[in-house]
């Protein structure tokens, strides 16, 4: 998981949050790691999805508390229910 989180942080560091390039880089990282169900950029409070690899349907969804927060501020939530997307996906959030 740390490898995937580091890859997301490195890939998106130079891009504006939620730009087309940033989302494309998140999608590339997600495709490389089969255990990552989705990657999202969150509000500063970490409670809502701003953009994600899951598409526009996930934008604005409220998230529960993080299970883990890294020293770099990367939050991890597993088994998050995404009602509008009709499923539960394991995911790492940035």
PDB file of N, CA and C in Angstrom:
ATOM      1  N   UNK A   1       0.828  -1.184   0.000  1.00  0.00           N
ATOM      2  CA  UNK A   1       0.000   0.000   0.000  1.00  0.00           C
ATOM      3  C   UNK A   1       0.874   1.250   0.000  1.00  0.00           C
ATOM      4  N   UNK A   2       1.977   1.236   0.755  1.00  0.00           N
ATOM      5  CA  UNK A   2       2.848   2.408   0.801  1.00  0.00           C
ATOM      6  C   UNK A   2       3.424   2.742  -0.563  1.00  0.00           C
ATOM      7  N   UNK A   3       3.709   1.720  -1.366  1.00  0.00           N
ATOM      8  CA  UNK A   3       4.234   1.960  -2.711  1.00  0.00           C
ATOM      9  C   UNK A   3       3.205   2.707  -3.552  1.00  0.00           C
ATOM     10  N   UNK A   4       1.948   2.285  -3.484  1.00  0.00           N
ATOM     11  CA  UNK A   4       0.884   2.953  -4.246  1.00  0.00           C
ATOM     12  C   UNK A   4       0.684   4.378  -3.769  1.00  0.00           C
ATOM     13  N   UNK A   5       0.694   4.584  -2.455  1.00  0.00           N
ATOM     14  CA  UNK A   5       0.500   5.934  -1.908  1.00  0.00           C
ATOM     15  C   UNK A   5       1.638   6.862  -2.313  1.00  0.00           C
ATOM     16  N   UNK A   6       2.856   6.347  -2.279  1.00  0.00           N
ATOM     17  CA  UNK A   6       4.013   7.139  -2.694  1.00  0.00           C
ATOM     18  C   UNK A   6       3.944   7.478  -4.171  1.00  0.00           C
ATOM     19  N   UNK A   7       3.475   6.531  -4.979  1.00  0.00           N
ATOM     20  CA  UNK A   7       3.352   6.765  -6.421  1.00  0.00           C
ATOM     21  C   UNK A   7       2.342   7.859  -6.711  1.00  0.00           C
ATOM     22  N   UNK A   8       1.213   7.867  -5.994  1.00  0.00           N
ATOM     23  CA  UNK A   8       0.198   8.911  -6.183  1.00  0.00           C
ATOM     24  C   UNK A   8       0.764  10.268  -5.790  1.00  0.00           C
ATOM     25  N   UNK A   9       1.412  10.337  -4.638  1.00  0.00           N
ATOM     26  CA  UNK A   9       1.967  11.602  -4.164  1.00  0.00           C
ATOM     27  C   UNK A   9       2.990  12.158  -5.157  1.00  0.00           C
ATOM     28  N   UNK A  10       3.863  11.289  -5.658  1.00  0.00           N
ATOM     29  CA  UNK A  10       4.890  11.731  -6.603  1.00  0.00           C
ATOM     30  C   UNK A  10       4.289  12.143  -7.937  1.00  0.00           C
ATOM     31  N   UNK A  11       3.311  11.381  -8.419  1.00  0.00           N
ATOM     32  CA  UNK A  11       2.728  11.645  -9.737  1.00  0.00           C
ATOM     33  C   UNK A  11       1.923  12.931  -9.770  1.00  0.00           C
ATOM     34  N   UNK A  12       1.305  13.292  -8.665  1.00  0.00           N
ATOM     35  CA  UNK A  12       0.407  14.455  -8.674  1.00  0.00           C
ATOM     36  C   UNK A  12       1.003  15.702  -8.023  1.00  0.00           C
ATOM     37  N   UNK A  13       2.226  15.614  -7.521  1.00  0.00           N
ATOM     38  CA  UNK A  13       2.836  16.723  -6.779  1.00  0.00           C
ATOM     39  C   UNK A  13       2.925  18.010  -7.593  1.00  0.00           C
ATOM     40  N   UNK A  14       3.189  17.918  -8.862  1.00  0.00           N
ATOM     41  CA  UNK A  14       3.393  19.111  -9.700  1.00  0.00           C
ATOM     42  C   UNK A  14       2.121  19.576 -10.406  1.00  0.00           C
ATOM     43  N   UNK A  15       1.020  18.880 -10.199  1.00  0.00           N
ATOM     44  CA  UNK A  15      -0.213  19.193 -10.910  1.00  0.00           C
ATOM     45  C   UNK A  15      -1.205  19.923 -10.002  1.00  0.00           C
ATOM     46  N   UNK A  16      -2.011  20.828 -10.563  1.00  0.00           N
ATOM     47  CA  UNK A  16      -3.080  21.423  -9.758  1.00  0.00           C
ATOM     48  C   UNK A  16      -4.079  20.331  -9.354  1.00  0.00           C
ATOM     49  N   UNK A  17      -4.605  20.395  -8.124  1.00  0.00           N
ATOM     50  CA  UNK A  17      -5.581  19.388  -7.692  1.00  0.00           C
ATOM     51  C   UNK A  17      -6.771  19.316  -8.656  1.00  0.00           C
ATOM     52  N   UNK A  18      -7.167  18.135  -9.001  1.00  0.00           N
ATOM     53  CA  UNK A  18      -8.336  17.860  -9.843  1.00  0.00           C
ATOM     54  C   UNK A  18      -8.202  18.317 -11.285  1.00  0.00           C
ATOM     55  N   UNK A  19      -6.998  18.673 -11.712  1.00  0.00           N
ATOM     56  CA  UNK A  19      -6.818  18.981 -13.133  1.00  0.00           C
ATOM     57  C   UNK A  19      -6.942  17.681 -13.919  1.00  0.00           C
ATOM     58  N   UNK A  20      -7.178  17.780 -15.198  1.00  0.00           N
ATOM     59  CA  UNK A  20      -7.280  16.583 -16.038  1.00  0.00           C
ATOM     60  C   UNK A  20      -5.997  15.758 -15.946  1.00  0.00           C
ATOM     61  N   UNK A  21      -4.842  16.431 -15.905  1.00  0.00           N
ATOM     62  CA  UNK A  21      -3.567  15.725 -15.818  1.00  0.00           C
ATOM     63  C   UNK A  21      -3.432  14.997 -14.479  1.00  0.00           C
ATOM     64  N   UNK A  22      -3.861  15.637 -13.397  1.00  0.00           N
ATOM     65  CA  UNK A  22      -3.781  15.020 -12.066  1.00  0.00           C
ATOM     66  C   UNK A  22      -4.676  13.784 -11.980  1.00  0.00           C
ATOM     67  N   UNK A  23      -5.904  13.888 -12.481  1.00  0.00           N
ATOM     68  CA  UNK A  23      -6.825  12.739 -12.455  1.00  0.00           C
ATOM     69  C   UNK A  23      -6.276  11.616 -13.335  1.00  0.00           C
ATOM     70  N   UNK A  24      -5.717  11.961 -14.489  1.00  0.00           N
ATOM     71  CA  UNK A  24      -5.129  10.938 -15.372  1.00  0.00           C
ATOM     72  C   UNK A  24      -3.971  10.224 -14.683  1.00  0.00           C
ATOM     73  N   UNK A  25      -3.160  10.970 -13.932  1.00  0.00           N
ATOM     74  CA  UNK A  25      -2.053  10.345 -13.208  1.00  0.00           C
ATOM     75  C   UNK A  25      -2.566   9.440 -12.095  1.00  0.00           C
ATOM     76  N   UNK A  26      -3.633   9.860 -11.408  1.00  0.00           N
ATOM     77  CA  UNK A  26      -4.233   9.000 -10.380  1.00  0.00           C
ATOM     78  C   UNK A  26      -4.765   7.721 -11.013  1.00  0.00           C
ATOM     79  N   UNK A  27      -5.366   7.836 -12.205  1.00  0.00           N
ATOM     80  CA  UNK A  27      -5.885   6.649 -12.898  1.00  0.00           C
ATOM     81  C   UNK A  27      -4.751   5.703 -13.296  1.00  0.00           C
ATOM     82  N   UNK A  28      -3.632   6.266 -13.738  1.00  0.00           N
ATOM     83  CA  UNK A  28      -2.478   5.439 -14.092  1.00  0.00           C
ATOM     84  C   UNK A  28      -1.965   4.662 -12.886  1.00  0.00           C
ATOM     85  N   UNK A  29      -1.866   5.343 -11.741  1.00  0.00           N
ATOM     86  CA  UNK A  29      -1.402   4.674 -10.527  1.00  0.00           C
ATOM     87  C   UNK A  29      -2.388   3.585 -10.109  1.00  0.00           C
ATOM     88  N   UNK A  30      -3.678   3.888 -10.160  1.00  0.00           N
ATOM     89  CA  UNK A  30      -4.693   2.894  -9.800  1.00  0.00           C
ATOM     90  C   UNK A  30      -4.576   1.660 -10.687  1.00  0.00           C
ATOM     91  N   UNK A  31      -4.343   1.850 -11.968  1.00  0.00           N
ATOM     92  CA  UNK A  31      -4.243   0.723 -12.902  1.00  0.00           C
ATOM     93  C   UNK A  31      -3.030  -0.160 -12.592  1.00  0.00           C
ATOM     94  N   UNK A  32      -1.970   0.417 -12.041  1.00  0.00           N
ATOM     95  CA  UNK A  32      -0.757  -0.349 -11.743  1.00  0.00           C
ATOM     96  C   UNK A  32      -0.883  -1.201 -10.488  1.00  0.00           C
ATOM     97  N   UNK A  33      -1.813  -0.850  -9.591  1.00  0.00           N
ATOM     98  CA  UNK A  33      -1.922  -1.548  -8.316  1.00  0.00           C
ATOM     99  C   UNK A  33      -3.311  -2.161  -8.196  1.00  0.00           C
ATOM    100  N   UNK A  34      -3.396  -3.477  -8.392  1.00  0.00           N
ATOM    101  CA  UNK A  34      -4.693  -4.151  -8.438  1.00  0.00           C
ATOM    102  C   UNK A  34      -5.464  -4.067  -7.124  1.00  0.00           C
ATOM    103  N   UNK A  35      -4.791  -3.832  -6.012  1.00  0.00           N
ATOM    104  CA  UNK A  35      -5.467  -3.757  -4.719  1.00  0.00           C
ATOM    105  C   UNK A  35      -6.034  -2.376  -4.417  1.00  0.00           C
ATOM    106  N   UNK A  36      -5.852  -1.416  -5.319  1.00  0.00           N
ATOM    107  CA  UNK A  36      -6.398  -0.071  -5.126  1.00  0.00           C
ATOM    108  C   UNK A  36      -7.670   0.041  -5.953  1.00  0.00           C
ATOM    109  N   UNK A  37      -8.798   0.223  -5.270  1.00  0.00           N
ATOM    110  CA  UNK A  37     -10.083   0.307  -5.956  1.00  0.00           C
ATOM    111  C   UNK A  37     -10.412   1.700  -6.457  1.00  0.00           C
ATOM    112  N   UNK A  38      -9.787   2.715  -5.899  1.00  0.00           N
ATOM    113  CA  UNK A  38     -10.032   4.077  -6.328  1.00  0.00           C
ATOM    114  C   UNK A  38      -9.125   5.029  -5.581  1.00  0.00           C
ATOM    115  N   UNK A  39      -8.868   6.170  -6.191  1.00  0.00           N
ATOM    116  CA  UNK A  39      -8.035   7.209  -5.588  1.00  0.00           C
ATOM    117  C   UNK A  39      -8.805   8.513  -5.693  1.00  0.00           C
ATOM    118  N   UNK A  40      -8.798   9.291  -4.620  1.00  0.00           N
ATOM    119  CA  UNK A  40      -9.566  10.540  -4.624  1.00  0.00           C
ATOM    120  C   UNK A  40      -8.787  11.679  -3.998  1.00  0.00           C
ATOM    121  N   UNK A  41      -9.061  12.878  -4.459  1.00  0.00           N
ATOM    122  CA  UNK A  41      -8.578  14.101  -3.816  1.00  0.00           C
ATOM    123  C   UNK A  41      -9.729  14.586  -2.956  1.00  0.00           C
ATOM    124  N   UNK A  42      -9.445  14.908  -1.683  1.00  0.00           N
ATOM    125  CA  UNK A  42     -10.490  15.286  -0.739  1.00  0.00           C
ATOM    126  C   UNK A  42     -10.446  16.772  -0.416  1.00  0.00           C
ATOM    127  N   UNK A  43     -11.528  17.250   0.183  1.00  0.00           N
ATOM    128  CA  UNK A  43     -11.549  18.616   0.699  1.00  0.00           C
ATOM    129  C   UNK A  43     -10.483  18.738   1.785  1.00  0.00           C
ATOM    130  N   UNK A  44     -10.121  19.957   2.151  1.00  0.00           N
ATOM    131  CA  UNK A  44      -9.080  20.150   3.162  1.00  0.00           C
ATOM    132  C   UNK A  44      -9.462  19.509   4.495  1.00  0.00           C
ATOM    133  N   UNK A  45     -10.748  19.442   4.799  1.00  0.00           N
ATOM    134  CA  UNK A  45     -11.197  18.788   6.025  1.00  0.00           C
ATOM    135  C   UNK A  45     -11.193  17.266   5.878  1.00  0.00           C
ATOM    136  N   UNK A  46     -11.047  16.775   4.641  1.00  0.00           N
ATOM    137  CA  UNK A  46     -11.000  15.347   4.392  1.00  0.00           C
ATOM    138  C   UNK A  46     -12.332  14.643   4.483  1.00  0.00           C
ATOM    139  N   UNK A  47     -13.408  15.406   4.360  1.00  0.00           N
ATOM    140  CA  UNK A  47     -14.721  14.790   4.556  1.00  0.00           C
ATOM    141  C   UNK A  47     -15.501  14.552   3.265  1.00  0.00           C
ATOM    142  N   UNK A  48     -15.096  15.179   2.171  1.00  0.00           N
ATOM    143  CA  UNK A  48     -15.809  15.021   0.895  1.00  0.00           C
ATOM    144  C   UNK A  48     -14.826  14.812  -0.250  1.00  0.00           C
ATOM    145  N   UNK A  49     -15.286  14.079  -1.269  1.00  0.00           N
ATOM    146  CA  UNK A  49     -14.480  13.850  -2.465  1.00  0.00           C
ATOM    147  C   UNK A  49     -14.592  15.058  -3.392  1.00  0.00           C
ATOM    148  N   UNK A  50     -13.443  15.596  -3.799  1.00  0.00           N
ATOM    149  CA  UNK A  50     -13.414  16.675  -4.787  1.00  0.00           C
ATOM    150  C   UNK A  50     -13.375  16.101  -6.204  1.00  0.00           C
ATOM    151  N   UNK A  51     -12.504  15.120  -6.405  1.00  0.00           N
ATOM    152  CA  UNK A  51     -12.382  14.435  -7.694  1.00  0.00           C
ATOM    153  C   UNK A  51     -11.767  13.081  -7.415  1.00  0.00           C
ATOM    154  N   UNK A  52     -11.942  12.162  -8.352  1.00  0.00           N
ATOM    155  CA  UNK A  52     -11.413  10.819  -8.119  1.00  0.00           C
ATOM    156  C   UNK A  52     -11.266  10.054  -9.417  1.00  0.00           C
ATOM    157  N   UNK A  53     -10.695   8.883  -9.289  1.00  0.00           N
ATOM    158  CA  UNK A  53     -10.584   7.973 -10.423  1.00  0.00           C
ATOM    159  C   UNK A  53     -11.910   7.267 -10.678  1.00  0.00           C
ATOM    160  N   UNK A  54     -12.885   7.467  -9.815  1.00  0.00           N
ATOM    161  CA  UNK A  54     -14.188   6.815  -9.934  1.00  0.00           C
ATOM    162  C   UNK A  54     -15.163   7.605 -10.797  1.00  0.00           C
ATOM    163  N   UNK A  55     -14.750   8.772 -11.260  1.00  0.00           N
ATOM    164  CA  UNK A  55     -15.596   9.575 -12.131  1.00  0.00           C
ATOM    165  C   UNK A  55     -16.436  10.587 -11.375  1.00  0.00           C
ATOM    166  N   UNK A  56     -17.175  11.405 -12.111  1.00  0.00           N
ATOM    167  CA  UNK A  56     -17.933  12.500 -11.517  1.00  0.00           C
ATOM    168  C   UNK A  56     -19.022  12.063 -10.544  1.00  0.00           C
ATOM    169  N   UNK A  57     -19.503  10.843 -10.629  1.00  0.00           N
ATOM    170  CA  UNK A  57     -20.563  10.387  -9.719  1.00  0.00           C
ATOM    171  C   UNK A  57     -20.093  10.372  -8.271  1.00  0.00           C
ATOM    172  N   UNK A  58     -18.798  10.249  -8.042  1.00  0.00           N
ATOM    173  CA  UNK A  58     -18.262  10.201  -6.678  1.00  0.00           C
ATOM    174  C   UNK A  58     -18.045  11.589  -6.084  1.00  0.00           C
ATOM    175  N   UNK A  59     -18.022  12.625  -6.920  1.00  0.00           N
ATOM    176  CA  UNK A  59     -17.743  13.969  -6.426  1.00  0.00           C
ATOM    177  C   UNK A  59     -18.791  14.416  -5.419  1.00  0.00           C
ATOM    178  N   UNK A  60     -18.315  14.961  -4.319  1.00  0.00           N
ATOM    179  CA  UNK A  60     -19.202  15.466  -3.288  1.00  0.00           C
ATOM    180  C   UNK A  60     -19.619  14.449  -2.249  1.00  0.00           C
ATOM    181  N   UNK A  61     -19.314  13.179  -2.459  1.00  0.00           N
ATOM    182  CA  UNK A  61     -19.699  12.162  -1.487  1.00  0.00           C
ATOM    183  C   UNK A  61     -18.968  12.379  -0.167  1.00  0.00           C
ATOM    184  N   UNK A  62     -19.717  12.218   0.929  1.00  0.00           N
ATOM    185  CA  UNK A  62     -19.114  12.307   2.262  1.00  0.00           C
ATOM    186  C   UNK A  62     -18.472  10.973   2.611  1.00  0.00           C
ATOM    187  N   UNK A  63     -17.335  11.053   3.276  1.00  0.00           N
ATOM    188  CA  UNK A  63     -16.611   9.858   3.689  1.00  0.00           C
ATOM    189  C   UNK A  63     -16.597   9.769   5.202  1.00  0.00           C
ATOM    190  N   UNK A  64     -16.514   8.586   5.693  1.00  0.00           N
ATOM    191  CA  UNK A  64     -16.380   8.391   7.130  1.00  0.00           C
ATOM    192  C   UNK A  64     -14.953   8.675   7.564  1.00  0.00           C
ATOM    193  N   UNK A  65     -14.653   8.398   8.825  1.00  0.00           N
ATOM    194  CA  UNK A  65     -13.307   8.650   9.336  1.00  0.00           C
ATOM    195  C   UNK A  65     -12.272   7.753   8.668  1.00  0.00           C
ATOM    196  N   UNK A  66     -11.057   8.270   8.572  1.00  0.00           N
ATOM    197  CA  UNK A  66      -9.957   7.508   7.982  1.00  0.00           C
ATOM    198  C   UNK A  66      -9.489   6.429   8.943  1.00  0.00           C
ATOM    199  N   UNK A  67      -9.090   5.302   8.380  1.00  0.00           N
ATOM    200  CA  UNK A  67      -8.529   4.226   9.195  1.00  0.00           C
ATOM    201  C   UNK A  67      -7.059   4.472   9.480  1.00  0.00           C
ATOM    202  N   UNK A  68      -6.403   5.176   8.568  1.00  0.00           N
ATOM    203  CA  UNK A  68      -4.972   5.446   8.723  1.00  0.00           C
ATOM    204  C   UNK A  68      -4.659   6.788   8.068  1.00  0.00           C
ATOM    205  N   UNK A  69      -3.801   7.571   8.707  1.00  0.00           N
ATOM    206  CA  UNK A  69      -3.294   8.813   8.125  1.00  0.00           C
ATOM    207  C   UNK A  69      -1.774   8.740   8.184  1.00  0.00           C
ATOM    208  N   UNK A  70      -1.123   8.861   7.014  1.00  0.00           N
ATOM    209  CA  UNK A  70       0.335   8.780   6.975  1.00  0.00           C
ATOM    210  C   UNK A  70       0.950  10.093   7.439  1.00  0.00           C
ATOM    211  N   UNK A  71       2.253  10.083   7.645  1.00  0.00           N
ATOM    212  CA  UNK A  71       2.974  11.297   8.042  1.00  0.00           C
ATOM    213  C   UNK A  71       2.848  12.383   6.981  1.00  0.00           C
ATOM    214  N   UNK A  72       2.654  11.973   5.734  1.00  0.00           N
ATOM    215  CA  UNK A  72       2.504  12.932   4.636  1.00  0.00           C
ATOM    216  C   UNK A  72       1.070  13.422   4.483  1.00  0.00           C
ATOM    217  N   UNK A  73       0.165  12.918   5.318  1.00  0.00           N
ATOM    218  CA  UNK A  73      -1.226  13.355   5.255  1.00  0.00           C
ATOM    219  C   UNK A  73      -2.104  12.532   4.339  1.00  0.00           C
ATOM    220  N   UNK A  74      -1.590  11.421   3.826  1.00  0.00           N
ATOM    221  CA  UNK A  74      -2.377  10.542   2.970  1.00  0.00           C
ATOM    222  C   UNK A  74      -3.303   9.718   3.862  1.00  0.00           C
ATOM    223  N   UNK A  75      -4.601   9.717   3.542  1.00  0.00           N
ATOM    224  CA  UNK A  75      -5.559   8.961   4.340  1.00  0.00           C
ATOM    225  C   UNK A  75      -5.963   7.685   3.616  1.00  0.00           C
ATOM    226  N   UNK A  76      -6.216   6.649   4.397  1.00  0.00           N
ATOM    227  CA  UNK A  76      -6.630   5.365   3.843  1.00  0.00           C
ATOM    228  C   UNK A  76      -7.978   4.991   4.451  1.00  0.00           C
ATOM    229  N   UNK A  77      -8.899   4.642   3.569  1.00  0.00           N
ATOM    230  CA  UNK A  77     -10.201   4.118   3.985  1.00  0.00           C
ATOM    231  C   UNK A  77     -10.440   2.853   3.180  1.00  0.00           C
ATOM    232  N   UNK A  78     -10.747   1.762   3.869  1.00  0.00           N
ATOM    233  CA  UNK A  78     -11.038   0.503   3.176  1.00  0.00           C
ATOM    234  C   UNK A  78     -12.525   0.236   3.289  1.00  0.00           C
ATOM    235  N   UNK A  79     -13.049  -0.447   2.300  1.00  0.00           N
ATOM    236  CA  UNK A  79     -14.447  -0.865   2.320  1.00  0.00           C
ATOM    237  C   UNK A  79     -15.420   0.299   2.495  1.00  0.00           C
ATOM    238  N   UNK A  80     -15.189   1.369   1.754  1.00  0.00           N
ATOM    239  CA  UNK A  80     -16.083   2.526   1.800  1.00  0.00           C
ATOM    240  C   UNK A  80     -17.288   2.255   0.916  1.00  0.00           C
ATOM    241  N   UNK A  81     -18.480   2.395   1.471  1.00  0.00           N
ATOM    242  CA  UNK A  81     -19.707   2.203   0.689  1.00  0.00           C
ATOM    243  C   UNK A  81     -19.947   3.449  -0.154  1.00  0.00           C
ATOM    244  N   UNK A  82     -20.132   3.248  -1.427  1.00  0.00           N
ATOM    245  CA  UNK A  82     -20.375   4.341  -2.363  1.00  0.00           C
ATOM    246  C   UNK A  82     -21.754   4.141  -2.970  1.00  0.00           C
ATOM    247  N   UNK A  83     -22.804   4.659  -2.316  1.00  0.00           N
ATOM    248  CA  UNK A  83     -24.176   4.340  -2.718  1.00  0.00           C
ATOM    249  C   UNK A  83     -24.512   4.699  -4.154  1.00  0.00           C
ATOM    250  N   UNK A  84     -24.065   5.832  -4.631  1.00  0.00           N
ATOM    251  CA  UNK A  84     -24.405   6.220  -6.006  1.00  0.00           C
ATOM    252  C   UNK A  84     -23.668   5.376  -7.030  1.00  0.00           C
ATOM    253  N   UNK A  85     -22.589   4.731  -6.603  1.00  0.00           N
ATOM    254  CA  UNK A  85     -21.823   3.892  -7.511  1.00  0.00           C
ATOM    255  C   UNK A  85     -22.176   2.420  -7.341  1.00  0.00           C
ATOM    256  N   UNK A  86     -23.117   2.148  -6.444  1.00  0.00           N
ATOM    257  CA  UNK A  86     -23.637   0.813  -6.191  1.00  0.00           C
ATOM    258  C   UNK A  86     -22.535  -0.203  -5.935  1.00  0.00           C
ATOM    259  N   UNK A  87     -21.744   0.044  -4.896  1.00  0.00           N
ATOM    260  CA  UNK A  87     -20.729  -0.935  -4.547  1.00  0.00           C
ATOM    261  C   UNK A  87     -19.882  -0.476  -3.385  1.00  0.00           C
ATOM    262  N   UNK A  88     -19.063  -1.365  -2.952  1.00  0.00           N
ATOM    263  CA  UNK A  88     -18.094  -1.067  -1.909  1.00  0.00           C
ATOM    264  C   UNK A  88     -16.734  -1.355  -2.486  1.00  0.00           C
ATOM    265  N   UNK A  89     -15.894  -0.351  -2.529  1.00  0.00           N
ATOM    266  CA  UNK A  89     -14.578  -0.497  -3.125  1.00  0.00           C
ATOM    267  C   UNK A  89     -13.492  -0.234  -2.108  1.00  0.00           C
ATOM    268  N   UNK A  90     -12.460  -1.075  -2.072  1.00  0.00           N
ATOM    269  CA  UNK A  90     -11.322  -0.708  -1.249  1.00  0.00           C
ATOM    270  C   UNK A  90     -10.653   0.484  -1.910  1.00  0.00           C
ATOM    271  N   UNK A  91     -10.157   1.442  -1.146  1.00  0.00           N
ATOM    272  CA  UNK A  91      -9.605   2.635  -1.772  1.00  0.00           C
ATOM    273  C   UNK A  91      -8.567   3.319  -0.914  1.00  0.00           C
ATOM    274  N   UNK A  92      -7.650   4.004  -1.569  1.00  0.00           N
ATOM    275  CA  UNK A  92      -6.697   4.878  -0.910  1.00  0.00           C
ATOM    276  C   UNK A  92      -7.020   6.278  -1.367  1.00  0.00           C
ATOM    277  N   UNK A  93      -7.065   7.229  -0.472  1.00  0.00           N
ATOM    278  CA  UNK A  93      -7.411   8.605  -0.788  1.00  0.00           C
ATOM    279  C   UNK A  93      -6.215   9.512  -0.567  1.00  0.00           C
ATOM    280  N   UNK A  94      -6.100  10.469  -1.499  1.00  0.00           N
ATOM    281  CA  UNK A  94      -5.061  11.463  -1.365  1.00  0.00           C
ATOM    282  C   UNK A  94      -5.717  12.795  -1.244  1.00  0.00           C
TER     283      UNK A  94
END
